[in-house]
Amino acid sequence: MRKYSAAAAAVLLLAGVGAAAAEDIIVQPEQETVIKEYVTKQPLASVKVPGVELNIGTALPDTVELHEVPNVKYRYTVIDNRTVVVDPGTRKIVKIIQ
């Protein structure tokens, strides 16, 4: 009985990993090009956000101002001299440019 429970748990765990991977947001190459060109022309001052690690999937607090990129659904900001692309709906980092 225990072997069956362990196997079932393993299947559920793997299914969860697959579901999480399916939620990954991929910035299309053409959108990335537009974003890179725009942020180069519209530089921002870098800000510090104590306690926040800059990783894909990290949610930024509401205190961080997000800036619009025309014709792109994502927003951007500069934290610790690194430009990050953020999903405005979730405030999660989807791409780190520099």
PDB file of N, CA and C in Angstrom:
ATOM      1  N   MET A   1       0.812  -1.184   0.000  1.00  0.00           N
ATOM      2  CA  MET A   1       0.000   0.000   0.000  1.00  0.00           C
ATOM      3  C   MET A   1       0.863   1.258   0.000  1.00  0.00           C
ATOM      4  N   ARG A   2       1.949   1.252   0.776  1.00  0.00           N
ATOM      5  CA  ARG A   2       2.825   2.429   0.828  1.00  0.00           C
ATOM      6  C   ARG A   2       3.490   2.693  -0.521  1.00  0.00           C
ATOM      7  N   LYS A   3       3.875   1.632  -1.236  1.00  0.00           N
ATOM      8  CA  LYS A   3       4.502   1.828  -2.545  1.00  0.00           C
ATOM      9  C   LYS A   3       3.544   2.533  -3.492  1.00  0.00           C
ATOM     10  N   TYR A   4       2.301   2.164  -3.425  1.00  0.00           N
ATOM     11  CA  TYR A   4       1.306   2.796  -4.287  1.00  0.00           C
ATOM     12  C   TYR A   4       1.145   4.269  -3.926  1.00  0.00           C
ATOM     13  N   SER A   5       1.115   4.598  -2.643  1.00  0.00           N
ATOM     14  CA  SER A   5       0.960   5.982  -2.200  1.00  0.00           C
ATOM     15  C   SER A   5       2.159   6.824  -2.625  1.00  0.00           C
ATOM     16  N   ALA A   6       3.353   6.267  -2.516  1.00  0.00           N
ATOM     17  CA  ALA A   6       4.553   6.993  -2.920  1.00  0.00           C
ATOM     18  C   ALA A   6       4.539   7.245  -4.421  1.00  0.00           C
ATOM     19  N   ALA A   7       4.120   6.243  -5.174  1.00  0.00           N
ATOM     20  CA  ALA A   7       4.053   6.404  -6.633  1.00  0.00           C
ATOM     21  C   ALA A   7       3.022   7.463  -7.000  1.00  0.00           C
ATOM     22  N   ALA A   8       1.890   7.436  -6.330  1.00  0.00           N
ATOM     23  CA  ALA A   8       0.848   8.428  -6.604  1.00  0.00           C
ATOM     24  C   ALA A   8       1.345   9.832  -6.267  1.00  0.00           C
ATOM     25  N   ALA A   9       2.054   9.958  -5.157  1.00  0.00           N
ATOM     26  CA  ALA A   9       2.602  11.255  -4.766  1.00  0.00           C
ATOM     27  C   ALA A   9       3.611  11.745  -5.792  1.00  0.00           C
ATOM     28  N   ALA A  10       4.434  10.850  -6.307  1.00  0.00           N
ATOM     29  CA  ALA A  10       5.428  11.223  -7.312  1.00  0.00           C
ATOM     30  C   ALA A  10       4.748  11.715  -8.582  1.00  0.00           C
ATOM     31  N   VAL A  11       3.678  11.036  -8.994  1.00  0.00           N
ATOM     32  CA  VAL A  11       2.951  11.450 -10.200  1.00  0.00           C
ATOM     33  C   VAL A  11       2.338  12.831  -9.993  1.00  0.00           C
ATOM     34  N   LEU A  12       1.737  13.051  -8.824  1.00  0.00           N
ATOM     35  CA  LEU A  12       1.143  14.352  -8.547  1.00  0.00           C
ATOM     36  C   LEU A  12       2.198  15.449  -8.514  1.00  0.00           C
ATOM     37  N   LEU A  13       3.347  15.142  -7.954  1.00  0.00           N
ATOM     38  CA  LEU A  13       4.439  16.111  -7.897  1.00  0.00           C
ATOM     39  C   LEU A  13       4.895  16.468  -9.308  1.00  0.00           C
ATOM     40  N   LEU A  14       5.084  15.471 -10.149  1.00  0.00           N
ATOM     41  CA  LEU A  14       5.510  15.728 -11.527  1.00  0.00           C
ATOM     42  C   LEU A  14       4.452  16.495 -12.303  1.00  0.00           C
ATOM     43  N   ALA A  15       3.189  16.196 -12.046  1.00  0.00           N
ATOM     44  CA  ALA A  15       2.107  16.918 -12.719  1.00  0.00           C
ATOM     45  C   ALA A  15       2.136  18.379 -12.311  1.00  0.00           C
ATOM     46  N   GLY A  16       2.419  18.648 -11.044  1.00  0.00           N
ATOM     47  CA  GLY A  16       2.518  20.021 -10.562  1.00  0.00           C
ATOM     48  C   GLY A  16       3.658  20.765 -11.218  1.00  0.00           C
ATOM     49  N   VAL A  17       4.794  20.086 -11.401  1.00  0.00           N
ATOM     50  CA  VAL A  17       5.934  20.707 -12.064  1.00  0.00           C
ATOM     51  C   VAL A  17       5.575  21.051 -13.499  1.00  0.00           C
ATOM     52  N   GLY A  18       4.873  20.157 -14.175  1.00  0.00           N
ATOM     53  CA  GLY A  18       4.447  20.420 -15.544  1.00  0.00           C
ATOM     54  C   GLY A  18       3.498  21.594 -15.621  1.00  0.00           C
ATOM     55  N   ALA A  19       2.584  21.678 -14.658  1.00  0.00           N
ATOM     56  CA  ALA A  19       1.633  22.785 -14.640  1.00  0.00           C
ATOM     57  C   ALA A  19       2.360  24.101 -14.392  1.00  0.00           C
ATOM     58  N   ALA A  20       3.331  24.089 -13.495  1.00  0.00           N
ATOM     59  CA  ALA A  20       4.088  25.315 -13.234  1.00  0.00           C
ATOM     60  C   ALA A  20       4.857  25.753 -14.466  1.00  0.00           C
ATOM     61  N   ALA A  21       5.440  24.801 -15.186  1.00  0.00           N
ATOM     62  CA  ALA A  21       6.198  25.130 -16.397  1.00  0.00           C
ATOM     63  C   ALA A  21       5.274  25.713 -17.462  1.00  0.00           C
ATOM     64  N   ALA A  22       4.026  25.228 -17.503  1.00  0.00           N
ATOM     65  CA  ALA A  22       3.080  25.723 -18.494  1.00  0.00           C
ATOM     66  C   ALA A  22       2.720  27.178 -18.231  1.00  0.00           C
ATOM     67  N   GLU A  23       2.866  27.646 -16.987  1.00  0.00           N
ATOM     68  CA  GLU A  23       2.542  29.017 -16.643  1.00  0.00           C
ATOM     69  C   GLU A  23       3.695  29.981 -16.929  1.00  0.00           C
ATOM     70  N   ASP A  24       4.868  29.468 -17.303  1.00  0.00           N
ATOM     71  CA  ASP A  24       6.001  30.335 -17.583  1.00  0.00           C
ATOM     72  C   ASP A  24       5.644  31.311 -18.696  1.00  0.00           C
ATOM     73  N   ILE A  25       6.063  32.546 -18.517  1.00  0.00           N
ATOM     74  CA  ILE A  25       5.800  33.573 -19.522  1.00  0.00           C
ATOM     75  C   ILE A  25       7.045  33.725 -20.367  1.00  0.00           C
ATOM     76  N   ILE A  26       6.855  33.669 -21.655  1.00  0.00           N
ATOM     77  CA  ILE A  26       7.983  33.810 -22.567  1.00  0.00           C
ATOM     78  C   ILE A  26       7.811  35.108 -23.343  1.00  0.00           C
ATOM     79  N   VAL A  27       8.810  35.971 -23.230  1.00  0.00           N
ATOM     80  CA  VAL A  27       8.801  37.214 -23.995  1.00  0.00           C
ATOM     81  C   VAL A  27       9.279  36.870 -25.399  1.00  0.00           C
ATOM     82  N   GLN A  28       8.428  37.147 -26.376  1.00  0.00           N
ATOM     83  CA  GLN A  28       8.763  36.841 -27.766  1.00  0.00           C
ATOM     84  C   GLN A  28       9.969  37.673 -28.209  1.00  0.00           C
ATOM     85  N   PRO A  29      10.816  37.113 -29.085  1.00  0.00           N
ATOM     86  CA  PRO A  29      12.024  37.832 -29.516  1.00  0.00           C
ATOM     87  C   PRO A  29      11.748  39.225 -30.083  1.00  0.00           C
ATOM     88  N   GLU A  30      10.675  39.376 -30.843  1.00  0.00           N
ATOM     89  CA  GLU A  30      10.388  40.697 -31.409  1.00  0.00           C
ATOM     90  C   GLU A  30       9.982  41.686 -30.314  1.00  0.00           C
ATOM     91  N   GLN A  31       9.264  41.201 -29.286  1.00  0.00           N
ATOM     92  CA  GLN A  31       8.920  42.074 -28.166  1.00  0.00           C
ATOM     93  C   GLN A  31      10.179  42.443 -27.374  1.00  0.00           C
ATOM     94  N   GLU A  32      11.064  41.474 -27.204  1.00  0.00           N
ATOM     95  CA  GLU A  32      12.308  41.737 -26.474  1.00  0.00           C
ATOM     96  C   GLU A  32      13.139  42.794 -27.188  1.00  0.00           C
ATOM     97  N   THR A  33      13.179  42.727 -28.513  1.00  0.00           N
ATOM     98  CA  THR A  33      13.924  43.718 -29.295  1.00  0.00           C
ATOM     99  C   THR A  33      13.328  45.108 -29.099  1.00  0.00           C
ATOM    100  N   VAL A  34      12.003  45.204 -29.158  1.00  0.00           N
ATOM    101  CA  VAL A  34      11.331  46.492 -28.966  1.00  0.00           C
ATOM    102  C   VAL A  34      11.626  47.028 -27.574  1.00  0.00           C
ATOM    103  N   ILE A  35      11.557  46.165 -26.577  1.00  0.00           N
ATOM    104  CA  ILE A  35      11.806  46.582 -25.194  1.00  0.00           C
ATOM    105  C   ILE A  35      13.240  47.065 -25.041  1.00  0.00           C
ATOM    106  N   LYS A  36      14.205  46.295 -25.547  1.00  0.00           N
ATOM    107  CA  LYS A  36      15.619  46.685 -25.419  1.00  0.00           C
ATOM    108  C   LYS A  36      15.881  48.036 -26.067  1.00  0.00           C
ATOM    109  N   GLU A  37      15.340  48.245 -27.273  1.00  0.00           N
ATOM    110  CA  GLU A  37      15.543  49.515 -27.965  1.00  0.00           C
ATOM    111  C   GLU A  37      14.918  50.664 -27.180  1.00  0.00           C
ATOM    112  N   TYR A  38      13.727  50.441 -26.642  1.00  0.00           N
ATOM    113  CA  TYR A  38      13.028  51.485 -25.919  1.00  0.00           C
ATOM    114  C   TYR A  38      13.758  51.860 -24.628  1.00  0.00           C
ATOM    115  N   VAL A  39      14.156  50.854 -23.844  1.00  0.00           N
ATOM    116  CA  VAL A  39      14.800  51.168 -22.558  1.00  0.00           C
ATOM    117  C   VAL A  39      16.163  51.814 -22.749  1.00  0.00           C
ATOM    118  N   THR A  40      16.799  51.552 -23.881  1.00  0.00           N
ATOM    119  CA  THR A  40      18.070  52.212 -24.179  1.00  0.00           C
ATOM    120  C   THR A  40      17.850  53.702 -24.423  1.00  0.00           C
ATOM    121  N   LYS A  41      16.731  54.033 -25.088  1.00  0.00           N
ATOM    122  CA  LYS A  41      16.413  55.425 -25.388  1.00  0.00           C
ATOM    123  C   LYS A  41      15.752  56.142 -24.205  1.00  0.00           C
ATOM    124  N   GLN A  42      15.177  55.381 -23.288  1.00  0.00           N
ATOM    125  CA  GLN A  42      14.456  55.952 -22.148  1.00  0.00           C
ATOM    126  C   GLN A  42      15.064  55.439 -20.834  1.00  0.00           C
ATOM    127  N   PRO A  43      16.320  55.782 -20.569  1.00  0.00           N
ATOM    128  CA  PRO A  43      16.957  55.239 -19.360  1.00  0.00           C
ATOM    129  C   PRO A  43      16.289  55.742 -18.087  1.00  0.00           C
ATOM    130  N   LEU A  44      16.272  54.884 -17.099  1.00  0.00           N
ATOM    131  CA  LEU A  44      15.709  55.221 -15.796  1.00  0.00           C
ATOM    132  C   LEU A  44      16.808  55.180 -14.744  1.00  0.00           C
ATOM    133  N   ALA A  45      16.596  55.924 -13.678  1.00  0.00           N
ATOM    134  CA  ALA A  45      17.503  55.824 -12.540  1.00  0.00           C
ATOM    135  C   ALA A  45      17.262  54.484 -11.857  1.00  0.00           C
ATOM    136  N   SER A  46      18.320  53.859 -11.441  1.00  0.00           N
ATOM    137  CA  SER A  46      18.220  52.582 -10.742  1.00  0.00           C
ATOM    138  C   SER A  46      17.695  52.800  -9.326  1.00  0.00           C
ATOM    139  N   VAL A  47      16.868  51.882  -8.872  1.00  0.00           N
ATOM    140  CA  VAL A  47      16.351  51.943  -7.500  1.00  0.00           C
ATOM    141  C   VAL A  47      16.805  50.710  -6.735  1.00  0.00           C
ATOM    142  N   LYS A  48      16.779  50.822  -5.432  1.00  0.00           N
ATOM    143  CA  LYS A  48      17.091  49.694  -4.551  1.00  0.00           C
ATOM    144  C   LYS A  48      15.769  49.174  -3.992  1.00  0.00           C
ATOM    145  N   VAL A  49      15.646  47.867  -3.927  1.00  0.00           N
ATOM    146  CA  VAL A  49      14.463  47.247  -3.328  1.00  0.00           C
ATOM    147  C   VAL A  49      14.967  46.224  -2.321  1.00  0.00           C
ATOM    148  N   PRO A  50      15.137  46.644  -1.070  1.00  0.00           N
ATOM    149  CA  PRO A  50      15.671  45.742  -0.051  1.00  0.00           C
ATOM    150  C   PRO A  50      14.814  44.484   0.108  1.00  0.00           C
ATOM    151  N   GLY A  51      15.497  43.361   0.214  1.00  0.00           N
ATOM    152  CA  GLY A  51      14.809  42.093   0.455  1.00  0.00           C
ATOM    153  C   GLY A  51      14.236  41.422  -0.781  1.00  0.00           C
ATOM    154  N   VAL A  52      14.438  42.004  -1.961  1.00  0.00           N
ATOM    155  CA  VAL A  52      13.910  41.410  -3.192  1.00  0.00           C
ATOM    156  C   VAL A  52      15.070  40.898  -4.032  1.00  0.00           C
ATOM    157  N   GLU A  53      15.028  39.598  -4.348  1.00  0.00           N
ATOM    158  CA  GLU A  53      16.038  39.014  -5.232  1.00  0.00           C
ATOM    159  C   GLU A  53      15.552  39.129  -6.669  1.00  0.00           C
ATOM    160  N   LEU A  54      16.444  39.541  -7.548  1.00  0.00           N
ATOM    161  CA  LEU A  54      16.070  39.687  -8.950  1.00  0.00           C
ATOM    162  C   LEU A  54      16.176  38.350  -9.664  1.00  0.00           C
ATOM    163  N   ASN A  55      15.056  37.665  -9.721  1.00  0.00           N
ATOM    164  CA  ASN A  55      14.956  36.379 -10.409  1.00  0.00           C
ATOM    165  C   ASN A  55      13.674  36.369 -11.225  1.00  0.00           C
ATOM    166  N   ILE A  56      13.668  35.585 -12.282  1.00  0.00           N
ATOM    167  CA  ILE A  56      12.445  35.396 -13.048  1.00  0.00           C
ATOM    168  C   ILE A  56      11.391  34.832 -12.097  1.00  0.00           C
ATOM    169  N   GLY A  57      10.211  35.431 -12.105  1.00  0.00           N
ATOM    170  CA  GLY A  57       9.120  34.966 -11.250  1.00  0.00           C
ATOM    171  C   GLY A  57       8.993  35.706  -9.935  1.00  0.00           C
ATOM    172  N   THR A  58       9.991  36.512  -9.579  1.00  0.00           N
ATOM    173  CA  THR A  58       9.904  37.290  -8.346  1.00  0.00           C
ATOM    174  C   THR A  58       8.878  38.401  -8.537  1.00  0.00           C
ATOM    175  N   ALA A  59       7.969  38.545  -7.593  1.00  0.00           N
ATOM    176  CA  ALA A  59       6.975  39.613  -7.643  1.00  0.00           C
ATOM    177  C   ALA A  59       7.553  40.868  -6.987  1.00  0.00           C
ATOM    178  N   LEU A  60       7.407  41.978  -7.672  1.00  0.00           N
ATOM    179  CA  LEU A  60       7.890  43.246  -7.135  1.00  0.00           C
ATOM    180  C   LEU A  60       6.795  43.899  -6.292  1.00  0.00           C
ATOM    181  N   PRO A  61       7.177  44.551  -5.209  1.00  0.00           N
ATOM    182  CA  PRO A  61       6.177  45.215  -4.371  1.00  0.00           C
ATOM    183  C   PRO A  61       5.531  46.393  -5.100  1.00  0.00           C
ATOM    184  N   ASP A  62       4.363  46.789  -4.612  1.00  0.00           N
ATOM    185  CA  ASP A  62       3.631  47.905  -5.219  1.00  0.00           C
ATOM    186  C   ASP A  62       4.383  49.224  -5.146  1.00  0.00           C
ATOM    187  N   THR A  63       5.366  49.299  -4.281  1.00  0.00           N
ATOM    188  CA  THR A  63       6.139  50.541  -4.142  1.00  0.00           C
ATOM    189  C   THR A  63       7.085  50.782  -5.318  1.00  0.00           C
ATOM    190  N   VAL A  64       7.331  49.745  -6.123  1.00  0.00           N
ATOM    191  CA  VAL A  64       8.216  49.879  -7.284  1.00  0.00           C
ATOM    192  C   VAL A  64       7.394  50.380  -8.467  1.00  0.00           C
ATOM    193  N   GLU A  65       7.797  51.523  -9.010  1.00  0.00           N
ATOM    194  CA  GLU A  65       7.094  52.096 -10.158  1.00  0.00           C
ATOM    195  C   GLU A  65       7.471  51.347 -11.435  1.00  0.00           C
ATOM    196  N   LEU A  66       6.447  50.917 -12.169  1.00  0.00           N
ATOM    197  CA  LEU A  66       6.658  50.230 -13.444  1.00  0.00           C
ATOM    198  C   LEU A  66       6.390  51.214 -14.572  1.00  0.00           C
ATOM    199  N   HIS A  67       7.221  51.161 -15.610  1.00  0.00           N
ATOM    200  CA  HIS A  67       7.128  52.099 -16.722  1.00  0.00           C
ATOM    201  C   HIS A  67       6.685  51.381 -17.983  1.00  0.00           C
ATOM    202  N   GLU A  68       5.830  52.051 -18.731  1.00  0.00           N
ATOM    203  CA  GLU A  68       5.240  51.472 -19.929  1.00  0.00           C
ATOM    204  C   GLU A  68       6.210  51.479 -21.104  1.00  0.00           C
ATOM    205  N   VAL A  69       6.104  50.437 -21.920  1.00  0.00           N
ATOM    206  CA  VAL A  69       6.788  50.368 -23.211  1.00  0.00           C
ATOM    207  C   VAL A  69       5.667  50.400 -24.252  1.00  0.00           C
ATOM    208  N   PRO A  70       5.637  51.405 -25.140  1.00  0.00           N
ATOM    209  CA  PRO A  70       4.550  51.495 -26.114  1.00  0.00           C
ATOM    210  C   PRO A  70       4.392  50.219 -26.943  1.00  0.00           C
ATOM    211  N   ASN A  71       3.159  49.814 -27.116  1.00  0.00           N
ATOM    212  CA  ASN A  71       2.777  48.659 -27.940  1.00  0.00           C
ATOM    213  C   ASN A  71       3.270  47.320 -27.409  1.00  0.00           C
ATOM    214  N   VAL A  72       3.619  47.262 -26.140  1.00  0.00           N
ATOM    215  CA  VAL A  72       4.046  46.009 -25.509  1.00  0.00           C
ATOM    216  C   VAL A  72       3.273  45.891 -24.203  1.00  0.00           C
ATOM    217  N   LYS A  73       2.799  44.699 -23.904  1.00  0.00           N
ATOM    218  CA  LYS A  73       1.988  44.546 -22.685  1.00  0.00           C
ATOM    219  C   LYS A  73       2.813  44.597 -21.404  1.00  0.00           C
ATOM    220  N   TYR A  74       4.110  44.401 -21.506  1.00  0.00           N
ATOM    221  CA  TYR A  74       4.963  44.380 -20.319  1.00  0.00           C
ATOM    222  C   TYR A  74       5.394  45.779 -19.915  1.00  0.00           C
ATOM    223  N   ARG A  75       5.854  45.904 -18.677  1.00  0.00           N
ATOM    224  CA  ARG A  75       6.397  47.150 -18.156  1.00  0.00           C
ATOM    225  C   ARG A  75       7.857  46.896 -17.788  1.00  0.00           C
ATOM    226  N   TYR A  76       8.578  47.957 -17.467  1.00  0.00           N
ATOM    227  CA  TYR A  76       9.975  47.770 -17.078  1.00  0.00           C
ATOM    228  C   TYR A  76      10.342  48.724 -15.963  1.00  0.00           C
ATOM    229  N   THR A  77      11.427  48.393 -15.297  1.00  0.00           N
ATOM    230  CA  THR A  77      12.027  49.239 -14.281  1.00  0.00           C
ATOM    231  C   THR A  77      13.496  48.854 -14.170  1.00  0.00           C
ATOM    232  N   VAL A  78      14.264  49.656 -13.465  1.00  0.00           N
ATOM    233  CA  VAL A  78      15.681  49.354 -13.275  1.00  0.00           C
ATOM    234  C   VAL A  78      15.922  49.204 -11.771  1.00  0.00           C
ATOM    235  N   ILE A  79      16.388  48.033 -11.391  1.00  0.00           N
ATOM    236  CA  ILE A  79      16.666  47.733  -9.992  1.00  0.00           C
ATOM    237  C   ILE A  79      18.112  47.261  -9.906  1.00  0.00           C
ATOM    238  N   ASP A  80      18.872  47.864  -9.004  1.00  0.00           N
ATOM    239  CA  ASP A  80      20.285  47.507  -8.831  1.00  0.00           C
ATOM    240  C   ASP A  80      21.034  47.500 -10.165  1.00  0.00           C
ATOM    241  N   ASN A  81      20.764  48.518 -10.979  1.00  0.00           N
ATOM    242  CA  ASN A  81      21.407  48.700 -12.291  1.00  0.00           C
ATOM    243  C   ASN A  81      21.101  47.582 -13.285  1.00  0.00           C
ATOM    244  N   ARG A  82      20.013  46.880 -13.073  1.00  0.00           N
ATOM    245  CA  ARG A  82      19.586  45.835 -14.000  1.00  0.00           C
ATOM    246  C   ARG A  82      18.171  46.149 -14.469  1.00  0.00           C
ATOM    247  N   THR A  83      17.979  46.166 -15.782  1.00  0.00           N
ATOM    248  CA  THR A  83      16.650  46.418 -16.331  1.00  0.00           C
ATOM    249  C   THR A  83      15.841  45.130 -16.269  1.00  0.00           C
ATOM    250  N   VAL A  84      14.668  45.219 -15.668  1.00  0.00           N
ATOM    251  CA  VAL A  84      13.803  44.045 -15.556  1.00  0.00           C
ATOM    252  C   VAL A  84      12.482  44.318 -16.257  1.00  0.00           C
ATOM    253  N   VAL A  85      11.980  43.301 -16.926  1.00  0.00           N
ATOM    254  CA  VAL A  85      10.701  43.363 -17.618  1.00  0.00           C
ATOM    255  C   VAL A  85       9.692  42.662 -16.721  1.00  0.00           C
ATOM    256  N   VAL A  86       8.550  43.316 -16.526  1.00  0.00           N
ATOM    257  CA  VAL A  86       7.581  42.865 -15.532  1.00  0.00           C
ATOM    258  C   VAL A  86       6.194  42.711 -16.157  1.00  0.00           C
ATOM    259  N   ASP A  87       5.498  41.653 -15.772  1.00  0.00           N
ATOM    260  CA  ASP A  87       4.097  41.476 -16.149  1.00  0.00           C
ATOM    261  C   ASP A  87       3.296  42.396 -15.233  1.00  0.00           C
ATOM    262  N   PRO A  88       2.603  43.407 -15.773  1.00  0.00           N
ATOM    263  CA  PRO A  88       1.918  44.366 -14.909  1.00  0.00           C
ATOM    264  C   PRO A  88       0.761  43.760 -14.113  1.00  0.00           C
ATOM    265  N   GLY A  89       0.182  42.685 -14.594  1.00  0.00           N
ATOM    266  CA  GLY A  89      -0.935  42.060 -13.895  1.00  0.00           C
ATOM    267  C   GLY A  89      -0.518  41.361 -12.621  1.00  0.00           C
ATOM    268  N   THR A  90       0.632  40.696 -12.675  1.00  0.00           N
ATOM    269  CA  THR A  90       1.112  39.936 -11.514  1.00  0.00           C
ATOM    270  C   THR A  90       2.270  40.627 -10.813  1.00  0.00           C
ATOM    271  N   ARG A  91       2.873  41.602 -11.494  1.00  0.00           N
ATOM    272  CA  ARG A  91       4.074  42.321 -11.020  1.00  0.00           C
ATOM    273  C   ARG A  91       5.273  41.384 -10.913  1.00  0.00           C
ATOM    274  N   LYS A  92       5.213  40.247 -11.600  1.00  0.00           N
ATOM    275  CA  LYS A  92       6.326  39.297 -11.578  1.00  0.00           C
ATOM    276  C   LYS A  92       7.322  39.627 -12.675  1.00  0.00           C
ATOM    277  N   ILE A  93       8.609  39.432 -12.368  1.00  0.00           N
ATOM    278  CA  ILE A  93       9.663  39.634 -13.357  1.00  0.00           C
ATOM    279  C   ILE A  93       9.588  38.504 -14.376  1.00  0.00           C
ATOM    280  N   VAL A  94       9.536  38.879 -15.659  1.00  0.00           N
ATOM    281  CA  VAL A  94       9.490  37.874 -16.726  1.00  0.00           C
ATOM    282  C   VAL A  94      10.779  37.822 -17.523  1.00  0.00           C
ATOM    283  N   LYS A  95      11.607  38.863 -17.388  1.00  0.00           N
ATOM    284  CA  LYS A  95      12.868  38.897 -18.133  1.00  0.00           C
ATOM    285  C   LYS A  95      13.807  39.886 -17.454  1.00  0.00           C
ATOM    286  N   ILE A  96      15.073  39.509 -17.371  1.00  0.00           N
ATOM    287  CA  ILE A  96      16.095  40.425 -16.884  1.00  0.00           C
ATOM    288  C   ILE A  96      16.998  40.733 -18.065  1.00  0.00           C
ATOM    289  N   ILE A  97      17.027  42.007 -18.460  1.00  0.00           N
ATOM    290  CA  ILE A  97      17.755  42.386 -19.672  1.00  0.00           C
ATOM    291  C   ILE A  97      19.216  42.653 -19.378  1.00  0.00           C
ATOM    292  N   GLN A  98      19.550  43.377 -18.319  1.00  0.00           N
ATOM    293  CA  GLN A  98      20.942  43.667 -18.025  1.00  0.00           C
ATOM    294  C   GLN A  98      21.192  43.549 -16.549  1.00  0.00           C
TER     295      GLN A  98
END
